[in-house]
Amino acid sequence: MDLLLWITISFIVIGFVVLVSLKKGMERKVALLIENEKSLESKQISAKPIVLWIRGAVVWGLVSMFLLVWSFSNYM
């Protein structure tokens, strides 16, 4: 098998495992933000980690799609 295929498979699998493992914590943070919506200034709860997690998921998805297309174009 080609190195590009191994890189593509490992990137997708490792990224998926990381995103799924962080998902539960992000759900708790979103629930906490919704619960304390009116008192955000007093408790200083930040939404920045949630935004970064969403951005990371989007970047991971885009890179995964690019690697898949690149892999298929190399083997066709």
PDB file of N, CA and C in Angstrom:
ATOM      1  N   MET A   1       0.833  -1.180   0.000  1.00  0.00           N
ATOM      2  CA  MET A   1       0.000   0.000   0.000  1.00  0.00           C
ATOM      3  C   MET A   1       0.877   1.242   0.000  1.00  0.00           C
ATOM      4  N   ASP A   2       0.356   2.273  -0.554  1.00  0.00           N
ATOM      5  CA  ASP A   2       1.072   3.525  -0.684  1.00  0.00           C
ATOM      6  C   ASP A   2       1.053   4.309   0.633  1.00  0.00           C
ATOM      7  N   LEU A   3       2.046   5.146   0.813  1.00  0.00           N
ATOM      8  CA  LEU A   3       2.152   5.955   2.026  1.00  0.00           C
ATOM      9  C   LEU A   3       0.994   6.938   2.137  1.00  0.00           C
ATOM     10  N   LEU A   4       0.548   7.490   1.025  1.00  0.00           N
ATOM     11  CA  LEU A   4      -0.570   8.434   1.044  1.00  0.00           C
ATOM     12  C   LEU A   4      -1.832   7.785   1.593  1.00  0.00           C
ATOM     13  N   LEU A   5      -2.074   6.547   1.230  1.00  0.00           N
ATOM     14  CA  LEU A   5      -3.251   5.838   1.733  1.00  0.00           C
ATOM     15  C   LEU A   5      -3.162   5.645   3.244  1.00  0.00           C
ATOM     16  N   TRP A   6      -1.988   5.271   3.743  1.00  0.00           N
ATOM     17  CA  TRP A   6      -1.810   5.096   5.189  1.00  0.00           C
ATOM     18  C   TRP A   6      -1.974   6.414   5.932  1.00  0.00           C
ATOM     19  N   ILE A   7      -1.449   7.491   5.367  1.00  0.00           N
ATOM     20  CA  ILE A   7      -1.608   8.799   6.004  1.00  0.00           C
ATOM     21  C   ILE A   7      -3.078   9.195   6.039  1.00  0.00           C
ATOM     22  N   THR A   8      -3.789   8.962   4.952  1.00  0.00           N
ATOM     23  CA  THR A   8      -5.209   9.306   4.883  1.00  0.00           C
ATOM     24  C   THR A   8      -6.019   8.515   5.900  1.00  0.00           C
ATOM     25  N   ILE A   9      -5.824   7.219   5.928  1.00  0.00           N
ATOM     26  CA  ILE A   9      -6.580   6.364   6.859  1.00  0.00           C
ATOM     27  C   ILE A   9      -6.273   6.720   8.302  1.00  0.00           C
ATOM     28  N   SER A  10      -4.993   6.887   8.628  1.00  0.00           N
ATOM     29  CA  SER A  10      -4.635   7.185  10.016  1.00  0.00           C
ATOM     30  C   SER A  10      -5.121   8.570  10.431  1.00  0.00           C
ATOM     31  N   PHE A  11      -5.057   9.567   9.534  1.00  0.00           N
ATOM     32  CA  PHE A  11      -5.550  10.900   9.855  1.00  0.00           C
ATOM     33  C   PHE A  11      -7.041  10.875  10.150  1.00  0.00           C
ATOM     34  N   ILE A  12      -7.793  10.161   9.335  1.00  0.00           N
ATOM     35  CA  ILE A  12      -9.242  10.096   9.528  1.00  0.00           C
ATOM     36  C   ILE A  12      -9.590   9.359  10.824  1.00  0.00           C
ATOM     37  N   VAL A  13      -8.966   8.237  11.067  1.00  0.00           N
ATOM     38  CA  VAL A  13      -9.287   7.440  12.254  1.00  0.00           C
ATOM     39  C   VAL A  13      -8.877   8.163  13.533  1.00  0.00           C
ATOM     40  N   ILE A  14      -7.656   8.679  13.575  1.00  0.00           N
ATOM     41  CA  ILE A  14      -7.181   9.370  14.779  1.00  0.00           C
ATOM     42  C   ILE A  14      -8.010  10.624  15.031  1.00  0.00           C
ATOM     43  N   GLY A  15      -8.301  11.382  13.983  1.00  0.00           N
ATOM     44  CA  GLY A  15      -9.120  12.584  14.140  1.00  0.00           C
ATOM     45  C   GLY A  15     -10.516  12.265  14.637  1.00  0.00           C
ATOM     46  N   PHE A  16     -11.115  11.201  14.113  1.00  0.00           N
ATOM     47  CA  PHE A  16     -12.452  10.812  14.557  1.00  0.00           C
ATOM     48  C   PHE A  16     -12.450  10.409  16.026  1.00  0.00           C
ATOM     49  N   VAL A  17     -11.447   9.654  16.435  1.00  0.00           N
ATOM     50  CA  VAL A  17     -11.354   9.231  17.839  1.00  0.00           C
ATOM     51  C   VAL A  17     -11.189  10.443  18.755  1.00  0.00           C
ATOM     52  N   VAL A  18     -10.364  11.390  18.368  1.00  0.00           N
ATOM     53  CA  VAL A  18     -10.157  12.588  19.185  1.00  0.00           C
ATOM     54  C   VAL A  18     -11.443  13.404  19.273  1.00  0.00           C
ATOM     55  N   LEU A  19     -12.125  13.614  18.144  1.00  0.00           N
ATOM     56  CA  LEU A  19     -13.362  14.390  18.168  1.00  0.00           C
ATOM     57  C   LEU A  19     -14.438  13.723  19.017  1.00  0.00           C
ATOM     58  N   VAL A  20     -14.566  12.429  18.914  1.00  0.00           N
ATOM     59  CA  VAL A  20     -15.586  11.726  19.700  1.00  0.00           C
ATOM     60  C   VAL A  20     -15.235  11.763  21.192  1.00  0.00           C
ATOM     61  N   SER A  21     -13.961  11.653  21.522  1.00  0.00           N
ATOM     62  CA  SER A  21     -13.580  11.675  22.929  1.00  0.00           C
ATOM     63  C   SER A  21     -13.783  13.055  23.552  1.00  0.00           C
ATOM     64  N   LEU A  22     -13.663  14.121  22.775  1.00  0.00           N
ATOM     65  CA  LEU A  22     -13.866  15.468  23.300  1.00  0.00           C
ATOM     66  C   LEU A  22     -15.329  15.913  23.249  1.00  0.00           C
ATOM     67  N   LYS A  23     -16.161  15.163  22.568  1.00  0.00           N
ATOM     68  CA  LYS A  23     -17.555  15.548  22.361  1.00  0.00           C
ATOM     69  C   LYS A  23     -18.326  15.678  23.669  1.00  0.00           C
ATOM     70  N   LYS A  24     -18.155  14.753  24.581  1.00  0.00           N
ATOM     71  CA  LYS A  24     -18.915  14.760  25.827  1.00  0.00           C
ATOM     72  C   LYS A  24     -18.596  15.996  26.664  1.00  0.00           C
ATOM     73  N   GLY A  25     -17.320  16.365  26.716  1.00  0.00           N
ATOM     74  CA  GLY A  25     -16.935  17.561  27.459  1.00  0.00           C
ATOM     75  C   GLY A  25     -17.521  18.827  26.849  1.00  0.00           C
ATOM     76  N   MET A  26     -17.554  18.883  25.536  1.00  0.00           N
ATOM     77  CA  MET A  26     -18.124  20.055  24.867  1.00  0.00           C
ATOM     78  C   MET A  26     -19.628  20.133  25.096  1.00  0.00           C
ATOM     79  N   GLU A  27     -20.295  18.988  25.131  1.00  0.00           N
ATOM     80  CA  GLU A  27     -21.737  18.990  25.420  1.00  0.00           C
ATOM     81  C   GLU A  27     -22.003  19.524  26.819  1.00  0.00           C
ATOM     82  N   ARG A  28     -21.154  19.148  27.775  1.00  0.00           N
ATOM     83  CA  ARG A  28     -21.307  19.660  29.148  1.00  0.00           C
ATOM     84  C   ARG A  28     -21.080  21.169  29.199  1.00  0.00           C
ATOM     85  N   LYS A  29     -20.084  21.656  28.464  1.00  0.00           N
ATOM     86  CA  LYS A  29     -19.810  23.096  28.459  1.00  0.00           C
ATOM     87  C   LYS A  29     -20.948  23.878  27.822  1.00  0.00           C
ATOM     88  N   VAL A  30     -21.527  23.351  26.745  1.00  0.00           N
ATOM     89  CA  VAL A  30     -22.660  24.019  26.105  1.00  0.00           C
ATOM     90  C   VAL A  30     -23.857  24.035  27.056  1.00  0.00           C
ATOM     91  N   ALA A  31     -24.103  22.939  27.741  1.00  0.00           N
ATOM     92  CA  ALA A  31     -25.212  22.890  28.697  1.00  0.00           C
ATOM     93  C   ALA A  31     -24.995  23.895  29.822  1.00  0.00           C
ATOM     94  N   LEU A  32     -23.755  24.021  30.281  1.00  0.00           N
ATOM     95  CA  LEU A  32     -23.440  24.982  31.338  1.00  0.00           C
ATOM     96  C   LEU A  32     -23.634  26.412  30.845  1.00  0.00           C
ATOM     97  N   LEU A  33     -23.237  26.685  29.609  1.00  0.00           N
ATOM     98  CA  LEU A  33     -23.447  28.022  29.043  1.00  0.00           C
ATOM     99  C   LEU A  33     -24.926  28.348  28.894  1.00  0.00           C
ATOM    100  N   ILE A  34     -25.698  27.385  28.448  1.00  0.00           N
ATOM    101  CA  ILE A  34     -27.138  27.615  28.291  1.00  0.00           C
ATOM    102  C   ILE A  34     -27.793  27.822  29.647  1.00  0.00           C
ATOM    103  N   GLU A  35     -27.356  27.051  30.625  1.00  0.00           N
ATOM    104  CA  GLU A  35     -27.922  27.148  31.975  1.00  0.00           C
ATOM    105  C   GLU A  35     -27.616  28.503  32.611  1.00  0.00           C
ATOM    106  N   ASN A  36     -26.417  28.984  32.408  1.00  0.00           N
ATOM    107  CA  ASN A  36     -25.996  30.246  33.024  1.00  0.00           C
ATOM    108  C   ASN A  36     -25.945  31.378  32.001  1.00  0.00           C
ATOM    109  N   GLU A  37     -26.890  31.401  31.090  1.00  0.00           N
ATOM    110  CA  GLU A  37     -26.876  32.354  29.990  1.00  0.00           C
ATOM    111  C   GLU A  37     -26.947  33.806  30.463  1.00  0.00           C
ATOM    112  N   LYS A  38     -27.724  34.056  31.484  1.00  0.00           N
ATOM    113  CA  LYS A  38     -27.927  35.439  31.916  1.00  0.00           C
ATOM    114  C   LYS A  38     -26.787  35.954  32.782  1.00  0.00           C
ATOM    115  N   SER A  39     -26.041  35.075  33.387  1.00  0.00           N
ATOM    116  CA  SER A  39     -24.974  35.521  34.287  1.00  0.00           C
ATOM    117  C   SER A  39     -23.592  35.196  33.725  1.00  0.00           C
ATOM    118  N   LEU A  40     -23.402  35.392  32.432  1.00  0.00           N
ATOM    119  CA  LEU A  40     -22.112  35.095  31.795  1.00  0.00           C
ATOM    120  C   LEU A  40     -21.002  35.998  32.312  1.00  0.00           C
ATOM    121  N   GLU A  41     -21.314  37.267  32.563  1.00  0.00           N
ATOM    122  CA  GLU A  41     -20.282  38.185  33.016  1.00  0.00           C
ATOM    123  C   GLU A  41     -19.824  37.865  34.435  1.00  0.00           C
ATOM    124  N   SER A  42     -20.735  37.471  35.284  1.00  0.00           N
ATOM    125  CA  SER A  42     -20.373  37.252  36.685  1.00  0.00           C
ATOM    126  C   SER A  42     -19.542  35.989  36.883  1.00  0.00           C
ATOM    127  N   LYS A  43     -19.828  34.935  36.147  1.00  0.00           N
ATOM    128  CA  LYS A  43     -19.097  33.678  36.340  1.00  0.00           C
ATOM    129  C   LYS A  43     -17.943  33.513  35.357  1.00  0.00           C
ATOM    130  N   GLN A  44     -17.861  34.377  34.361  1.00  0.00           N
ATOM    131  CA  GLN A  44     -16.798  34.370  33.368  1.00  0.00           C
ATOM    132  C   GLN A  44     -16.645  33.008  32.687  1.00  0.00           C
ATOM    133  N   ILE A  45     -17.745  32.468  32.219  1.00  0.00           N
ATOM    134  CA  ILE A  45     -17.729  31.216  31.472  1.00  0.00           C
ATOM    135  C   ILE A  45     -17.435  31.559  30.017  1.00  0.00           C
ATOM    136  N   SER A  46     -16.433  30.928  29.464  1.00  0.00           N
ATOM    137  CA  SER A  46     -16.005  31.250  28.111  1.00  0.00           C
ATOM    138  C   SER A  46     -16.526  30.222  27.106  1.00  0.00           C
ATOM    139  N   ALA A  47     -16.916  30.731  25.951  1.00  0.00           N
ATOM    140  CA  ALA A  47     -17.363  29.863  24.862  1.00  0.00           C
ATOM    141  C   ALA A  47     -16.227  29.575  23.896  1.00  0.00           C
ATOM    142  N   LYS A  48     -15.037  30.112  24.166  1.00  0.00           N
ATOM    143  CA  LYS A  48     -13.917  29.961  23.247  1.00  0.00           C
ATOM    144  C   LYS A  48     -13.527  28.496  23.007  1.00  0.00           C
ATOM    145  N   PRO A  49     -13.456  27.625  24.034  1.00  0.00           N
ATOM    146  CA  PRO A  49     -13.121  26.219  23.752  1.00  0.00           C
ATOM    147  C   PRO A  49     -14.128  25.527  22.844  1.00  0.00           C
ATOM    148  N   ILE A  50     -15.382  25.900  22.951  1.00  0.00           N
ATOM    149  CA  ILE A  50     -16.413  25.296  22.112  1.00  0.00           C
ATOM    150  C   ILE A  50     -16.229  25.734  20.663  1.00  0.00           C
ATOM    151  N   VAL A  51     -15.948  27.015  20.469  1.00  0.00           N
ATOM    152  CA  VAL A  51     -15.727  27.538  19.118  1.00  0.00           C
ATOM    153  C   VAL A  51     -14.483  26.894  18.510  1.00  0.00           C
ATOM    154  N   LEU A  52     -13.429  26.745  19.293  1.00  0.00           N
ATOM    155  CA  LEU A  52     -12.209  26.108  18.798  1.00  0.00           C
ATOM    156  C   LEU A  52     -12.453  24.645  18.443  1.00  0.00           C
ATOM    157  N   TRP A  53     -13.282  23.948  19.227  1.00  0.00           N
ATOM    158  CA  TRP A  53     -13.597  22.550  18.929  1.00  0.00           C
ATOM    159  C   TRP A  53     -14.373  22.450  17.619  1.00  0.00           C
ATOM    160  N   ILE A  54     -15.303  23.367  17.401  1.00  0.00           N
ATOM    161  CA  ILE A  54     -16.079  23.364  16.161  1.00  0.00           C
ATOM    162  C   ILE A  54     -15.163  23.665  14.980  1.00  0.00           C
ATOM    163  N   ARG A  55     -14.289  24.655  15.133  1.00  0.00           N
ATOM    164  CA  ARG A  55     -13.345  24.966  14.058  1.00  0.00           C
ATOM    165  C   ARG A  55     -12.438  23.777  13.763  1.00  0.00           C
ATOM    166  N   GLY A  56     -11.958  23.117  14.803  1.00  0.00           N
ATOM    167  CA  GLY A  56     -11.108  21.944  14.614  1.00  0.00           C
ATOM    168  C   GLY A  56     -11.827  20.828  13.880  1.00  0.00           C
ATOM    169  N   ALA A  57     -13.099  20.630  14.220  1.00  0.00           N
ATOM    170  CA  ALA A  57     -13.889  19.593  13.549  1.00  0.00           C
ATOM    171  C   ALA A  57     -14.076  19.923  12.071  1.00  0.00           C
ATOM    172  N   VAL A  58     -14.312  21.199  11.773  1.00  0.00           N
ATOM    173  CA  VAL A  58     -14.494  21.608  10.377  1.00  0.00           C
ATOM    174  C   VAL A  58     -13.195  21.440   9.596  1.00  0.00           C
ATOM    175  N   VAL A  59     -12.084  21.873  10.189  1.00  0.00           N
ATOM    176  CA  VAL A  59     -10.786  21.735   9.510  1.00  0.00           C
ATOM    177  C   VAL A  59     -10.446  20.264   9.303  1.00  0.00           C
ATOM    178  N   TRP A  60     -10.692  19.445  10.325  1.00  0.00           N
ATOM    179  CA  TRP A  60     -10.441  18.005  10.193  1.00  0.00           C
ATOM    180  C   TRP A  60     -11.268  17.412   9.054  1.00  0.00           C
ATOM    181  N   GLY A  61     -12.541  17.810   8.963  1.00  0.00           N
ATOM    182  CA  GLY A  61     -13.402  17.308   7.903  1.00  0.00           C
ATOM    183  C   GLY A  61     -12.932  17.732   6.524  1.00  0.00           C
ATOM    184  N   LEU A  62     -12.535  18.994   6.393  1.00  0.00           N
ATOM    185  CA  LEU A  62     -12.055  19.470   5.098  1.00  0.00           C
ATOM    186  C   LEU A  62     -10.759  18.788   4.685  1.00  0.00           C
ATOM    187  N   VAL A  63      -9.833  18.638   5.608  1.00  0.00           N
ATOM    188  CA  VAL A  63      -8.569  17.969   5.289  1.00  0.00           C
ATOM    189  C   VAL A  63      -8.820  16.497   4.961  1.00  0.00           C
ATOM    190  N   SER A  64      -9.728  15.865   5.670  1.00  0.00           N
ATOM    191  CA  SER A  64     -10.062  14.469   5.389  1.00  0.00           C
ATOM    192  C   SER A  64     -10.633  14.314   3.983  1.00  0.00           C
ATOM    193  N   MET A  65     -11.541  15.221   3.604  1.00  0.00           N
ATOM    194  CA  MET A  65     -12.105  15.155   2.255  1.00  0.00           C
ATOM    195  C   MET A  65     -11.030  15.386   1.199  1.00  0.00           C
ATOM    196  N   PHE A  66     -10.142  16.343   1.436  1.00  0.00           N
ATOM    197  CA  PHE A  66      -9.055  16.608   0.501  1.00  0.00           C
ATOM    198  C   PHE A  66      -8.152  15.381   0.356  1.00  0.00           C
ATOM    199  N   LEU A  67      -7.796  14.753   1.474  1.00  0.00           N
ATOM    200  CA  LEU A  67      -6.938  13.564   1.415  1.00  0.00           C
ATOM    201  C   LEU A  67      -7.622  12.411   0.688  1.00  0.00           C
ATOM    202  N   LEU A  68      -8.917  12.236   0.918  1.00  0.00           N
ATOM    203  CA  LEU A  68      -9.648  11.168   0.222  1.00  0.00           C
ATOM    204  C   LEU A  68      -9.677  11.405  -1.281  1.00  0.00           C
ATOM    205  N   VAL A  69      -9.979  12.626  -1.686  1.00  0.00           N
ATOM    206  CA  VAL A  69     -10.018  12.935  -3.114  1.00  0.00           C
ATOM    207  C   VAL A  69      -8.635  12.754  -3.728  1.00  0.00           C
ATOM    208  N   TRP A  70      -7.619  13.207  -3.036  1.00  0.00           N
ATOM    209  CA  TRP A  70      -6.244  13.078  -3.524  1.00  0.00           C
ATOM    210  C   TRP A  70      -5.847  11.608  -3.644  1.00  0.00           C
ATOM    211  N   SER A  71      -6.245  10.797  -2.651  1.00  0.00           N
ATOM    212  CA  SER A  71      -5.944   9.363  -2.701  1.00  0.00           C
ATOM    213  C   SER A  71      -6.644   8.699  -3.887  1.00  0.00           C
ATOM    214  N   PHE A  72      -7.920   9.004  -4.080  1.00  0.00           N
ATOM    215  CA  PHE A  72      -8.645   8.402  -5.192  1.00  0.00           C
ATOM    216  C   PHE A  72      -8.079   8.846  -6.539  1.00  0.00           C
ATOM    217  N   SER A  73      -7.656  10.099  -6.634  1.00  0.00           N
ATOM    218  CA  SER A  73      -7.117  10.565  -7.911  1.00  0.00           C
ATOM    219  C   SER A  73      -5.768   9.921  -8.203  1.00  0.00           C
ATOM    220  N   ASN A  74      -5.026   9.531  -7.174  1.00  0.00           N
ATOM    221  CA  ASN A  74      -3.745   8.852  -7.387  1.00  0.00           C
ATOM    222  C   ASN A  74      -3.943   7.410  -7.824  1.00  0.00           C
ATOM    223  N   TYR A  75      -5.025   6.775  -7.389  1.00  0.00           N
ATOM    224  CA  TYR A  75      -5.224   5.359  -7.692  1.00  0.00           C
ATOM    225  C   TYR A  75      -6.121   5.114  -8.896  1.00  0.00           C
ATOM    226  N   MET A  76      -6.732   6.133  -9.453  1.00  0.00           N
ATOM    227  CA  MET A  76      -7.619   5.945 -10.612  1.00  0.00           C
ATOM    228  C   MET A  76      -6.890   6.220 -11.890  1.00  0.00           C
TER     229      MET A  76
END
